[in-house]
Amino acid sequence: MTLTVEVFASPGCRLCGKARAQLRALATELGGDALQWREVNVLEELDHAVDLGVLSTPAIAIDGELVFTGLPSRKRLRAELELRLYPKGNKPQA
């Protein structure tokens, strides 16, 4: 299973860079095929951001659903990603 993750960011947002780095690291940890992610500049894709309900940045959507309306902790983001990747607790052993 592959999740599509979007990080909604705005120019000059210091927390947006942190969200990007956090997601990049988690994508590597969870495996290259587990996540497809992209940064969405809210100024360039305002309609898409509004459609999902993004009111501030950073915000994170997973598979088209706005899940975080602020920067979550790394632990919380990882837990949410793993829950969606392995819904029945079938997490592969490292």
N, C-alpha and C. Protein backbone atom coordinates (compact mmCIF):
# COMPACT_ATOMS: atom_id res chain seq x y z
N MET A 1 0.84 -1.17 0.00
CA MET A 1 0.00 0.00 0.00
C MET A 1 0.89 1.25 0.00
N THR A 2 0.48 2.25 -0.75
CA THR A 2 1.21 3.51 -0.81
C THR A 2 0.27 4.64 -0.40
N LEU A 3 0.74 5.49 0.49
CA LEU A 3 -0.02 6.66 0.91
C LEU A 3 0.41 7.88 0.12
N THR A 4 -0.53 8.73 -0.18
CA THR A 4 -0.22 10.01 -0.80
C THR A 4 -0.33 11.07 0.28
N VAL A 5 0.77 11.75 0.53
CA VAL A 5 0.82 12.75 1.60
C VAL A 5 1.17 14.10 0.99
N GLU A 6 0.41 15.12 1.39
CA GLU A 6 0.65 16.47 0.92
C GLU A 6 0.95 17.37 2.12
N VAL A 7 2.03 18.11 2.02
CA VAL A 7 2.38 19.08 3.05
C VAL A 7 2.04 20.46 2.48
N PHE A 8 1.07 21.12 3.08
CA PHE A 8 0.68 22.45 2.63
C PHE A 8 1.57 23.47 3.32
N ALA A 9 2.23 24.28 2.52
CA ALA A 9 3.21 25.23 3.03
C ALA A 9 3.03 26.59 2.38
N SER A 10 3.56 27.59 3.04
CA SER A 10 3.56 28.93 2.47
C SER A 10 4.97 29.49 2.53
N PRO A 11 5.31 30.36 1.60
CA PRO A 11 6.65 30.95 1.59
C PRO A 11 6.94 31.67 2.91
N GLY A 12 8.13 31.45 3.43
CA GLY A 12 8.54 32.11 4.66
C GLY A 12 8.10 31.43 5.93
N CYS A 13 7.40 30.34 5.83
CA CYS A 13 6.91 29.61 7.02
C CYS A 13 8.03 28.72 7.56
N ARG A 14 8.54 29.04 8.74
CA ARG A 14 9.65 28.25 9.29
C ARG A 14 9.22 26.85 9.71
N LEU A 15 7.99 26.70 10.17
CA LEU A 15 7.51 25.38 10.57
C LEU A 15 7.26 24.47 9.36
N CYS A 16 7.01 25.08 8.21
CA CYS A 16 6.78 24.30 6.99
C CYS A 16 8.04 23.54 6.60
N GLY A 17 9.19 24.17 6.75
CA GLY A 17 10.46 23.49 6.47
C GLY A 17 10.67 22.33 7.41
N LYS A 18 10.28 22.49 8.67
CA LYS A 18 10.40 21.41 9.64
C LYS A 18 9.47 20.26 9.28
N ALA A 19 8.26 20.57 8.84
CA ALA A 19 7.31 19.54 8.44
C ALA A 19 7.84 18.76 7.25
N ARG A 20 8.42 19.47 6.30
CA ARG A 20 9.00 18.84 5.10
C ARG A 20 10.12 17.88 5.49
N ALA A 21 11.02 18.34 6.35
CA ALA A 21 12.16 17.51 6.78
C ALA A 21 11.68 16.28 7.55
N GLN A 22 10.69 16.48 8.40
CA GLN A 22 10.14 15.38 9.19
C GLN A 22 9.53 14.33 8.27
N LEU A 23 8.77 14.77 7.30
CA LEU A 23 8.13 13.84 6.37
C LEU A 23 9.14 13.13 5.49
N ARG A 24 10.16 13.85 5.06
CA ARG A 24 11.22 13.24 4.24
C ARG A 24 11.91 12.12 5.03
N ALA A 25 12.22 12.36 6.29
CA ALA A 25 12.88 11.36 7.13
C ALA A 25 11.97 10.15 7.36
N LEU A 26 10.70 10.40 7.63
CA LEU A 26 9.76 9.29 7.85
C LEU A 26 9.55 8.47 6.59
N ALA A 27 9.52 9.12 5.44
CA ALA A 27 9.36 8.40 4.18
C ALA A 27 10.53 7.44 3.99
N THR A 28 11.73 7.88 4.33
CA THR A 28 12.90 7.02 4.22
C THR A 28 12.82 5.86 5.21
N GLU A 29 12.43 6.15 6.44
CA GLU A 29 12.33 5.12 7.47
C GLU A 29 11.27 4.07 7.16
N LEU A 30 10.14 4.51 6.62
CA LEU A 30 9.04 3.60 6.34
C LEU A 30 9.21 2.83 5.03
N GLY A 31 10.18 3.22 4.25
CA GLY A 31 10.43 2.53 2.99
C GLY A 31 10.04 3.40 1.81
N GLY A 32 10.84 3.34 0.78
CA GLY A 32 10.67 4.20 -0.38
C GLY A 32 9.32 4.11 -1.06
N ASP A 33 8.68 2.95 -1.01
CA ASP A 33 7.41 2.77 -1.71
C ASP A 33 6.20 3.03 -0.82
N ALA A 34 6.42 3.25 0.48
CA ALA A 34 5.30 3.42 1.40
C ALA A 34 4.60 4.76 1.24
N LEU A 35 5.37 5.81 0.96
CA LEU A 35 4.81 7.15 0.86
C LEU A 35 5.18 7.84 -0.44
N GLN A 36 4.21 8.50 -1.00
CA GLN A 36 4.47 9.46 -2.08
C GLN A 36 4.05 10.79 -1.49
N TRP A 37 4.96 11.73 -1.43
CA TRP A 37 4.59 13.00 -0.84
C TRP A 37 5.04 14.16 -1.70
N ARG A 38 4.37 15.27 -1.49
CA ARG A 38 4.72 16.47 -2.21
C ARG A 38 4.39 17.68 -1.35
N GLU A 39 5.12 18.74 -1.62
CA GLU A 39 4.84 20.00 -0.96
C GLU A 39 3.87 20.79 -1.82
N VAL A 40 2.85 21.33 -1.21
CA VAL A 40 1.86 22.13 -1.91
C VAL A 40 2.01 23.58 -1.44
N ASN A 41 2.37 24.45 -2.34
CA ASN A 41 2.46 25.87 -2.03
C ASN A 41 1.03 26.41 -2.06
N VAL A 42 0.54 26.86 -0.91
CA VAL A 42 -0.86 27.28 -0.84
C VAL A 42 -1.15 28.50 -1.72
N LEU A 43 -0.14 29.30 -1.99
CA LEU A 43 -0.36 30.46 -2.86
C LEU A 43 -0.54 30.04 -4.32
N GLU A 44 0.10 28.94 -4.71
CA GLU A 44 0.00 28.46 -6.08
C GLU A 44 -1.19 27.51 -6.30
N GLU A 45 -1.61 26.84 -5.23
CA GLU A 45 -2.71 25.88 -5.33
C GLU A 45 -3.78 26.19 -4.29
N LEU A 46 -4.19 27.44 -4.26
CA LEU A 46 -5.13 27.91 -3.26
C LEU A 46 -6.46 27.15 -3.32
N ASP A 47 -6.97 26.90 -4.51
CA ASP A 47 -8.26 26.19 -4.64
C ASP A 47 -8.19 24.80 -4.01
N HIS A 48 -7.09 24.10 -4.26
CA HIS A 48 -6.92 22.75 -3.69
C HIS A 48 -6.86 22.83 -2.17
N ALA A 49 -6.11 23.80 -1.65
CA ALA A 49 -6.00 23.97 -0.20
C ALA A 49 -7.36 24.27 0.42
N VAL A 50 -8.11 25.17 -0.20
CA VAL A 50 -9.43 25.53 0.31
C VAL A 50 -10.38 24.34 0.26
N ASP A 51 -10.33 23.57 -0.82
CA ASP A 51 -11.19 22.40 -0.95
C ASP A 51 -10.98 21.41 0.20
N LEU A 52 -9.75 21.30 0.68
CA LEU A 52 -9.45 20.37 1.78
C LEU A 52 -9.67 21.00 3.15
N GLY A 53 -9.86 22.31 3.20
CA GLY A 53 -10.10 22.98 4.47
C GLY A 53 -8.86 23.51 5.16
N VAL A 54 -7.78 23.68 4.41
CA VAL A 54 -6.55 24.21 4.98
C VAL A 54 -6.75 25.68 5.32
N LEU A 55 -6.54 26.02 6.59
CA LEU A 55 -6.69 27.40 7.04
C LEU A 55 -5.37 28.03 7.44
N SER A 56 -4.38 27.20 7.72
CA SER A 56 -3.06 27.70 8.10
C SER A 56 -2.01 26.68 7.70
N THR A 57 -0.77 27.11 7.71
CA THR A 57 0.33 26.21 7.36
C THR A 57 1.28 26.09 8.53
N PRO A 58 1.97 24.96 8.65
CA PRO A 58 1.84 23.80 7.78
C PRO A 58 0.58 22.99 8.10
N ALA A 59 0.12 22.30 7.10
CA ALA A 59 -1.00 21.37 7.24
C ALA A 59 -0.64 20.12 6.45
N ILE A 60 -1.15 18.99 6.88
CA ILE A 60 -0.80 17.73 6.23
C ILE A 60 -2.07 16.95 5.90
N ALA A 61 -2.18 16.57 4.63
CA ALA A 61 -3.28 15.75 4.16
C ALA A 61 -2.74 14.38 3.77
N ILE A 62 -3.51 13.35 4.08
CA ILE A 62 -3.14 11.99 3.72
C ILE A 62 -4.26 11.41 2.88
N ASP A 63 -3.93 10.96 1.69
CA ASP A 63 -4.90 10.41 0.75
C ASP A 63 -6.12 11.32 0.58
N GLY A 64 -5.85 12.62 0.42
CA GLY A 64 -6.91 13.57 0.14
C GLY A 64 -7.73 14.02 1.33
N GLU A 65 -7.32 13.63 2.55
CA GLU A 65 -8.03 14.01 3.76
C GLU A 65 -7.12 14.87 4.64
N LEU A 66 -7.58 16.04 5.01
CA LEU A 66 -6.80 16.90 5.90
C LEU A 66 -6.75 16.25 7.28
N VAL A 67 -5.54 15.88 7.71
CA VAL A 67 -5.38 15.15 8.96
C VAL A 67 -4.78 16.03 10.05
N PHE A 68 -3.81 16.86 9.69
CA PHE A 68 -3.15 17.73 10.66
C PHE A 68 -3.27 19.18 10.20
N THR A 69 -3.76 20.04 11.08
CA THR A 69 -3.90 21.45 10.75
C THR A 69 -2.78 22.29 11.38
N GLY A 70 -1.78 21.64 11.83
CA GLY A 70 -0.59 22.26 12.38
C GLY A 70 0.52 21.23 12.32
N LEU A 71 1.68 21.58 12.81
CA LEU A 71 2.81 20.65 12.78
C LEU A 71 2.65 19.63 13.89
N PRO A 72 2.43 18.35 13.54
CA PRO A 72 2.34 17.33 14.59
C PRO A 72 3.73 16.94 15.07
N SER A 73 3.78 16.30 16.21
CA SER A 73 5.07 15.77 16.66
C SER A 73 5.46 14.66 15.69
N ARG A 74 6.74 14.40 15.65
CA ARG A 74 7.23 13.33 14.77
C ARG A 74 6.58 12.00 15.13
N LYS A 75 6.44 11.75 16.43
CA LYS A 75 5.85 10.50 16.92
C LYS A 75 4.39 10.38 16.47
N ARG A 76 3.65 11.48 16.58
CA ARG A 76 2.24 11.46 16.19
C ARG A 76 2.07 11.27 14.69
N LEU A 77 2.91 11.94 13.90
CA LEU A 77 2.85 11.79 12.45
C LEU A 77 3.19 10.36 12.05
N ARG A 78 4.23 9.81 12.64
CA ARG A 78 4.61 8.43 12.33
C ARG A 78 3.49 7.46 12.70
N ALA A 79 2.88 7.65 13.87
CA ALA A 79 1.79 6.77 14.31
C ALA A 79 0.62 6.82 13.33
N GLU A 80 0.28 8.01 12.85
CA GLU A 80 -0.83 8.14 11.90
C GLU A 80 -0.50 7.46 10.57
N LEU A 81 0.72 7.65 10.10
CA LEU A 81 1.14 7.01 8.85
C LEU A 81 1.12 5.49 8.98
N GLU A 82 1.64 4.99 10.08
CA GLU A 82 1.67 3.53 10.29
C GLU A 82 0.26 2.97 10.43
N LEU A 83 -0.61 3.70 11.10
CA LEU A 83 -2.00 3.25 11.24
C LEU A 83 -2.66 3.09 9.88
N ARG A 84 -2.36 4.02 8.98
CA ARG A 84 -2.96 3.96 7.64
C ARG A 84 -2.26 2.95 6.73
N LEU A 85 -0.97 2.77 6.93
CA LEU A 85 -0.24 1.79 6.13
C LEU A 85 -0.54 0.36 6.56
N TYR A 86 -0.71 0.17 7.86
CA TYR A 86 -0.90 -1.17 8.44
C TYR A 86 -2.14 -1.16 9.32
N PRO A 87 -3.34 -1.03 8.74
CA PRO A 87 -4.55 -0.84 9.53
C PRO A 87 -4.88 -1.97 10.48
N LYS A 88 -4.43 -3.14 10.23
CA LYS A 88 -4.73 -4.26 11.12
C LYS A 88 -3.52 -4.64 11.96
N GLY A 89 -2.59 -3.71 12.09
CA GLY A 89 -1.41 -3.97 12.90
C GLY A 89 -0.42 -4.92 12.25
N ASN A 90 -0.51 -5.09 10.93
CA ASN A 90 0.37 -6.00 10.21
C ASN A 90 1.67 -5.33 9.82
N LYS A 91 2.26 -4.62 10.76
CA LYS A 91 3.51 -3.91 10.51
C LYS A 91 4.64 -4.91 10.31
N PRO A 92 5.39 -4.78 9.20
CA PRO A 92 6.51 -5.70 8.98
C PRO A 92 7.59 -5.51 10.04
N GLN A 93 8.24 -6.57 10.37
CA GLN A 93 9.32 -6.52 11.37
C GLN A 93 10.58 -5.99 10.73
N ALA A 94 11.30 -5.16 11.47
CA ALA A 94 12.55 -4.56 10.95
C ALA A 94 13.68 -5.56 10.99
